[in-house]
């Protein structure tokens, strides 16, 4: 029984380490999103850190339109990054979870 618990704890610790490694790797996974007319482009990591924003000069004359473009494009990019992030981290967590009866939250 004690050996089972120690083995399970080791497996959980190993999974936590893999999750941290995956988070670091996701810092190098870049998500690009453009507005439908390509006037704004944003780049962020799969950990949702913005690394670049490019704005076409034509948008600089209309502050409200620029703000709308930024909000829409950033929200789409964040959604994509979140999907990649959750899929990657979920796969690591599911793979590493010990098989405990009644604990099927990652299945």
N, C-alpha and C. Protein backbone atom coordinates (compact mmCIF):
# COMPACT_ATOMS: atom_id res chain seq x y z
N UNK A 1 0.83 -1.20 0.00
CA UNK A 1 0.00 0.00 0.00
C UNK A 1 0.87 1.26 0.00
N UNK A 2 1.87 1.31 0.91
CA UNK A 2 2.75 2.47 1.00
C UNK A 2 3.52 2.67 -0.29
N UNK A 3 3.97 1.53 -0.86
CA UNK A 3 4.71 1.59 -2.13
C UNK A 3 3.84 2.15 -3.24
N UNK A 4 2.57 1.78 -3.24
CA UNK A 4 1.64 2.30 -4.25
C UNK A 4 1.50 3.82 -4.13
N UNK A 5 1.39 4.30 -2.88
CA UNK A 5 1.25 5.73 -2.65
C UNK A 5 2.51 6.47 -3.08
N UNK A 6 3.67 5.91 -2.74
CA UNK A 6 4.94 6.55 -3.12
C UNK A 6 5.08 6.57 -4.65
N UNK A 7 4.70 5.48 -5.28
CA UNK A 7 4.76 5.43 -6.75
C UNK A 7 3.83 6.45 -7.37
N UNK A 8 2.64 6.59 -6.79
CA UNK A 8 1.67 7.54 -7.28
C UNK A 8 2.18 8.98 -7.09
N UNK A 9 2.79 9.24 -5.94
CA UNK A 9 3.33 10.58 -5.68
C UNK A 9 4.46 10.90 -6.66
N UNK A 10 5.29 9.91 -6.95
CA UNK A 10 6.36 10.10 -7.92
C UNK A 10 5.81 10.41 -9.29
N UNK A 11 4.74 9.71 -9.65
CA UNK A 11 4.10 9.93 -10.95
C UNK A 11 3.51 11.35 -11.02
N UNK A 12 2.89 11.80 -9.94
CA UNK A 12 2.31 13.15 -9.91
C UNK A 12 3.42 14.19 -10.03
N UNK A 13 4.52 13.98 -9.31
CA UNK A 13 5.65 14.93 -9.37
C UNK A 13 6.22 14.97 -10.79
N UNK A 14 6.34 13.80 -11.41
CA UNK A 14 6.84 13.72 -12.80
C UNK A 14 5.90 14.47 -13.74
N UNK A 15 4.60 14.32 -13.53
CA UNK A 15 3.61 15.01 -14.36
C UNK A 15 3.71 16.51 -14.18
N UNK A 16 3.88 16.96 -12.93
CA UNK A 16 4.03 18.40 -12.68
C UNK A 16 5.25 18.95 -13.42
N UNK A 17 6.33 18.17 -13.44
CA UNK A 17 7.54 18.59 -14.13
C UNK A 17 7.27 18.69 -15.64
N UNK A 18 6.54 17.71 -16.18
CA UNK A 18 6.21 17.73 -17.61
C UNK A 18 5.32 18.92 -17.94
N UNK A 19 4.39 19.26 -17.03
CA UNK A 19 3.52 20.41 -17.24
C UNK A 19 4.36 21.69 -17.30
N UNK A 20 5.32 21.83 -16.39
CA UNK A 20 6.19 23.01 -16.39
C UNK A 20 7.02 23.08 -17.67
N UNK A 21 7.54 21.94 -18.12
CA UNK A 21 8.32 21.89 -19.36
C UNK A 21 7.43 22.28 -20.55
N UNK A 22 6.19 21.82 -20.54
CA UNK A 22 5.26 22.15 -21.62
C UNK A 22 4.95 23.64 -21.62
N UNK A 23 4.75 24.22 -20.43
CA UNK A 23 4.50 25.67 -20.34
C UNK A 23 5.66 26.46 -20.93
N UNK A 24 6.89 26.04 -20.61
CA UNK A 24 8.07 26.73 -21.17
C UNK A 24 8.10 26.60 -22.68
N UNK A 25 7.79 25.40 -23.18
CA UNK A 25 7.79 25.18 -24.63
C UNK A 25 6.73 26.03 -25.31
N UNK A 26 5.59 26.22 -24.66
CA UNK A 26 4.51 27.01 -25.24
C UNK A 26 4.87 28.49 -25.37
N UNK A 27 5.91 28.92 -24.64
CA UNK A 27 6.41 30.29 -24.82
C UNK A 27 7.01 30.49 -26.21
N UNK A 28 7.42 29.39 -26.85
CA UNK A 28 8.03 29.51 -28.18
C UNK A 28 7.05 29.16 -29.30
N UNK A 29 5.82 28.78 -28.93
CA UNK A 29 4.79 28.50 -29.95
C UNK A 29 4.06 29.81 -30.23
N UNK A 30 4.18 30.30 -31.46
CA UNK A 30 3.61 31.60 -31.80
C UNK A 30 2.29 31.45 -32.55
N UNK A 31 1.33 32.27 -32.18
CA UNK A 31 0.01 32.31 -32.81
C UNK A 31 -0.10 33.65 -33.52
N UNK A 32 -0.36 33.62 -34.82
CA UNK A 32 -0.56 34.85 -35.59
C UNK A 32 -2.04 34.99 -35.90
N UNK A 33 -2.54 36.18 -35.78
CA UNK A 33 -3.95 36.47 -36.13
C UNK A 33 -3.97 37.80 -36.86
N UNK A 34 -4.74 37.83 -37.95
CA UNK A 34 -4.90 39.05 -38.74
C UNK A 34 -6.37 39.43 -38.80
N UNK A 35 -6.62 40.71 -38.96
CA UNK A 35 -7.99 41.14 -39.22
C UNK A 35 -8.35 40.64 -40.62
N UNK A 36 -9.63 40.58 -40.91
CA UNK A 36 -10.07 40.02 -42.19
C UNK A 36 -9.50 40.76 -43.40
N UNK A 37 -9.20 42.05 -43.24
CA UNK A 37 -8.63 42.83 -44.35
C UNK A 37 -7.11 43.04 -44.20
N UNK A 38 -6.51 42.32 -43.25
CA UNK A 38 -5.06 42.36 -43.02
C UNK A 38 -4.52 43.71 -42.56
N UNK A 39 -5.37 44.58 -42.02
CA UNK A 39 -4.90 45.89 -41.57
C UNK A 39 -4.23 45.82 -40.19
N UNK A 40 -4.55 44.79 -39.44
CA UNK A 40 -3.92 44.57 -38.13
C UNK A 40 -3.47 43.12 -38.06
N UNK A 41 -2.28 42.93 -37.52
CA UNK A 41 -1.78 41.58 -37.27
C UNK A 41 -1.19 41.55 -35.87
N UNK A 42 -1.57 40.53 -35.11
CA UNK A 42 -1.01 40.35 -33.77
C UNK A 42 -0.36 38.98 -33.68
N UNK A 43 0.68 38.91 -32.88
CA UNK A 43 1.35 37.65 -32.62
C UNK A 43 1.45 37.49 -31.12
N UNK A 44 1.11 36.30 -30.63
CA UNK A 44 1.28 36.01 -29.22
C UNK A 44 1.72 34.58 -29.04
N UNK A 45 2.25 34.28 -27.87
CA UNK A 45 2.67 32.92 -27.59
C UNK A 45 1.45 32.09 -27.20
N UNK A 46 1.62 30.78 -27.18
CA UNK A 46 0.53 29.90 -26.74
C UNK A 46 0.26 30.08 -25.24
N UNK A 47 1.14 30.78 -24.55
CA UNK A 47 0.89 31.15 -23.15
C UNK A 47 0.23 32.52 -23.04
N UNK A 48 -0.24 33.03 -24.18
CA UNK A 48 -1.03 34.26 -24.28
C UNK A 48 -0.25 35.53 -23.92
N UNK A 49 1.02 35.57 -24.27
CA UNK A 49 1.82 36.78 -24.10
C UNK A 49 1.97 37.43 -25.48
N UNK A 50 1.54 38.67 -25.60
CA UNK A 50 1.62 39.38 -26.89
C UNK A 50 3.08 39.69 -27.19
N UNK A 51 3.52 39.33 -28.40
CA UNK A 51 4.91 39.58 -28.79
C UNK A 51 5.02 40.63 -29.90
N UNK A 52 3.92 40.85 -30.64
CA UNK A 52 3.99 41.81 -31.74
C UNK A 52 2.59 42.28 -32.13
N UNK A 53 2.49 43.55 -32.48
CA UNK A 53 1.26 44.10 -33.06
C UNK A 53 1.69 44.97 -34.24
N UNK A 54 1.12 44.70 -35.41
CA UNK A 54 1.37 45.53 -36.60
C UNK A 54 0.07 46.20 -37.01
N UNK A 55 0.12 47.51 -37.20
CA UNK A 55 -1.08 48.28 -37.52
C UNK A 55 -0.83 49.04 -38.82
N UNK A 56 -1.71 48.86 -39.78
CA UNK A 56 -1.62 49.59 -41.03
C UNK A 56 -1.84 51.08 -40.76
N UNK A 57 -1.08 51.92 -41.44
CA UNK A 57 -1.17 53.38 -41.24
C UNK A 57 -2.58 53.92 -41.47
N UNK A 58 -3.36 53.27 -42.33
CA UNK A 58 -4.69 53.77 -42.64
C UNK A 58 -5.61 53.77 -41.42
N UNK A 59 -5.31 52.93 -40.43
CA UNK A 59 -6.15 52.87 -39.23
C UNK A 59 -5.80 53.95 -38.21
N UNK A 60 -4.68 54.62 -38.39
CA UNK A 60 -4.24 55.60 -37.41
C UNK A 60 -5.11 56.86 -37.39
N UNK A 61 -5.85 57.09 -38.44
CA UNK A 61 -6.68 58.29 -38.51
C UNK A 61 -8.00 58.14 -37.74
N UNK A 62 -8.41 56.91 -37.45
CA UNK A 62 -9.70 56.68 -36.80
C UNK A 62 -9.49 55.87 -35.52
N UNK A 63 -9.41 56.57 -34.41
CA UNK A 63 -9.11 55.94 -33.12
C UNK A 63 -10.13 54.85 -32.75
N UNK A 64 -11.42 55.14 -32.91
CA UNK A 64 -12.45 54.16 -32.55
C UNK A 64 -12.34 52.90 -33.39
N UNK A 65 -12.14 53.06 -34.68
CA UNK A 65 -12.01 51.90 -35.56
C UNK A 65 -10.77 51.09 -35.17
N UNK A 66 -9.68 51.77 -34.89
CA UNK A 66 -8.45 51.10 -34.47
C UNK A 66 -8.68 50.29 -33.20
N UNK A 67 -9.36 50.88 -32.24
CA UNK A 67 -9.65 50.17 -30.99
C UNK A 67 -10.50 48.93 -31.25
N UNK A 68 -11.52 49.06 -32.10
CA UNK A 68 -12.36 47.91 -32.45
C UNK A 68 -11.55 46.80 -33.11
N UNK A 69 -10.70 47.19 -34.05
CA UNK A 69 -9.84 46.22 -34.72
C UNK A 69 -8.95 45.48 -33.71
N UNK A 70 -8.33 46.25 -32.82
CA UNK A 70 -7.45 45.64 -31.83
C UNK A 70 -8.20 44.66 -30.93
N UNK A 71 -9.35 45.08 -30.44
CA UNK A 71 -10.14 44.22 -29.56
C UNK A 71 -10.52 42.93 -30.27
N UNK A 72 -11.06 43.03 -31.47
CA UNK A 72 -11.50 41.84 -32.20
C UNK A 72 -10.34 40.91 -32.54
N UNK A 73 -9.26 41.48 -33.04
CA UNK A 73 -8.13 40.66 -33.47
C UNK A 73 -7.43 40.03 -32.26
N UNK A 74 -7.25 40.79 -31.20
CA UNK A 74 -6.63 40.23 -29.99
C UNK A 74 -7.49 39.13 -29.38
N UNK A 75 -8.80 39.33 -29.34
CA UNK A 75 -9.67 38.30 -28.78
C UNK A 75 -9.60 37.01 -29.58
N UNK A 76 -9.57 37.11 -30.90
CA UNK A 76 -9.44 35.91 -31.73
C UNK A 76 -8.11 35.21 -31.49
N UNK A 77 -7.04 35.99 -31.39
CA UNK A 77 -5.71 35.43 -31.15
C UNK A 77 -5.64 34.76 -29.78
N UNK A 78 -6.21 35.41 -28.77
CA UNK A 78 -6.20 34.84 -27.41
C UNK A 78 -6.99 33.54 -27.38
N UNK A 79 -8.10 33.50 -28.08
CA UNK A 79 -8.90 32.27 -28.13
C UNK A 79 -8.10 31.13 -28.77
N UNK A 80 -7.43 31.41 -29.88
CA UNK A 80 -6.60 30.38 -30.53
C UNK A 80 -5.48 29.91 -29.60
N UNK A 81 -4.80 30.86 -28.97
CA UNK A 81 -3.70 30.53 -28.06
C UNK A 81 -4.21 29.70 -26.88
N UNK A 82 -5.36 30.06 -26.35
CA UNK A 82 -5.95 29.32 -25.23
C UNK A 82 -6.24 27.88 -25.64
N UNK A 83 -6.80 27.70 -26.84
CA UNK A 83 -7.09 26.35 -27.32
C UNK A 83 -5.83 25.50 -27.43
N UNK A 84 -4.76 26.07 -27.97
CA UNK A 84 -3.49 25.35 -28.08
C UNK A 84 -2.95 25.04 -26.68
N UNK A 85 -2.96 26.03 -25.81
CA UNK A 85 -2.45 25.89 -24.45
C UNK A 85 -3.19 24.78 -23.70
N UNK A 86 -4.52 24.83 -23.73
CA UNK A 86 -5.31 23.85 -22.99
C UNK A 86 -5.15 22.44 -23.56
N UNK A 87 -5.06 22.33 -24.88
CA UNK A 87 -4.88 21.02 -25.51
C UNK A 87 -3.54 20.41 -25.11
N UNK A 88 -2.49 21.21 -25.15
CA UNK A 88 -1.15 20.72 -24.81
C UNK A 88 -1.05 20.34 -23.34
N UNK A 89 -1.47 21.24 -22.46
CA UNK A 89 -1.38 20.97 -21.02
C UNK A 89 -2.33 19.85 -20.61
N UNK A 90 -3.50 19.80 -21.23
CA UNK A 90 -4.46 18.72 -20.92
C UNK A 90 -3.91 17.36 -21.30
N UNK A 91 -3.22 17.29 -22.44
CA UNK A 91 -2.65 16.02 -22.88
C UNK A 91 -1.57 15.55 -21.91
N UNK A 92 -0.74 16.46 -21.43
CA UNK A 92 0.32 16.11 -20.47
C UNK A 92 -0.30 15.65 -19.16
N UNK A 93 -1.30 16.37 -18.68
CA UNK A 93 -1.93 16.02 -17.41
C UNK A 93 -2.63 14.67 -17.50
N UNK A 94 -3.34 14.44 -18.60
CA UNK A 94 -4.07 13.18 -18.77
C UNK A 94 -3.11 12.01 -18.85
N UNK A 95 -2.03 12.19 -19.59
CA UNK A 95 -1.03 11.13 -19.77
C UNK A 95 -0.38 10.75 -18.44
N UNK A 96 -0.17 11.75 -17.58
CA UNK A 96 0.59 11.50 -16.36
C UNK A 96 -0.22 11.17 -15.14
N UNK A 97 -1.53 11.26 -15.22
CA UNK A 97 -2.34 11.00 -14.02
C UNK A 97 -2.38 9.52 -13.70
N UNK A 98 -2.13 9.18 -12.44
CA UNK A 98 -2.25 7.77 -12.05
C UNK A 98 -3.71 7.34 -12.12
N UNK A 99 -3.91 6.06 -12.31
CA UNK A 99 -5.26 5.54 -12.43
C UNK A 99 -5.84 5.32 -11.03
N UNK A 100 -6.58 6.31 -10.56
CA UNK A 100 -7.18 6.25 -9.23
C UNK A 100 -8.68 6.06 -9.42
N UNK A 101 -9.26 5.02 -8.85
CA UNK A 101 -10.70 4.81 -9.00
C UNK A 101 -11.48 6.04 -8.57
N UNK A 102 -12.42 6.45 -9.40
CA UNK A 102 -13.25 7.59 -9.09
C UNK A 102 -12.64 8.93 -9.49
N UNK A 103 -11.38 8.93 -9.93
CA UNK A 103 -10.71 10.17 -10.32
C UNK A 103 -10.53 10.18 -11.85
N UNK A 104 -11.63 10.36 -12.56
CA UNK A 104 -11.56 10.31 -14.02
C UNK A 104 -11.79 11.66 -14.64
N UNK A 105 -11.38 12.74 -13.94
CA UNK A 105 -11.64 14.09 -14.44
C UNK A 105 -10.84 14.43 -15.69
N UNK A 106 -9.76 13.69 -15.99
CA UNK A 106 -8.95 14.02 -17.16
C UNK A 106 -9.24 13.09 -18.33
N UNK A 107 -10.29 12.29 -18.22
CA UNK A 107 -10.61 11.34 -19.30
C UNK A 107 -11.66 11.89 -20.21
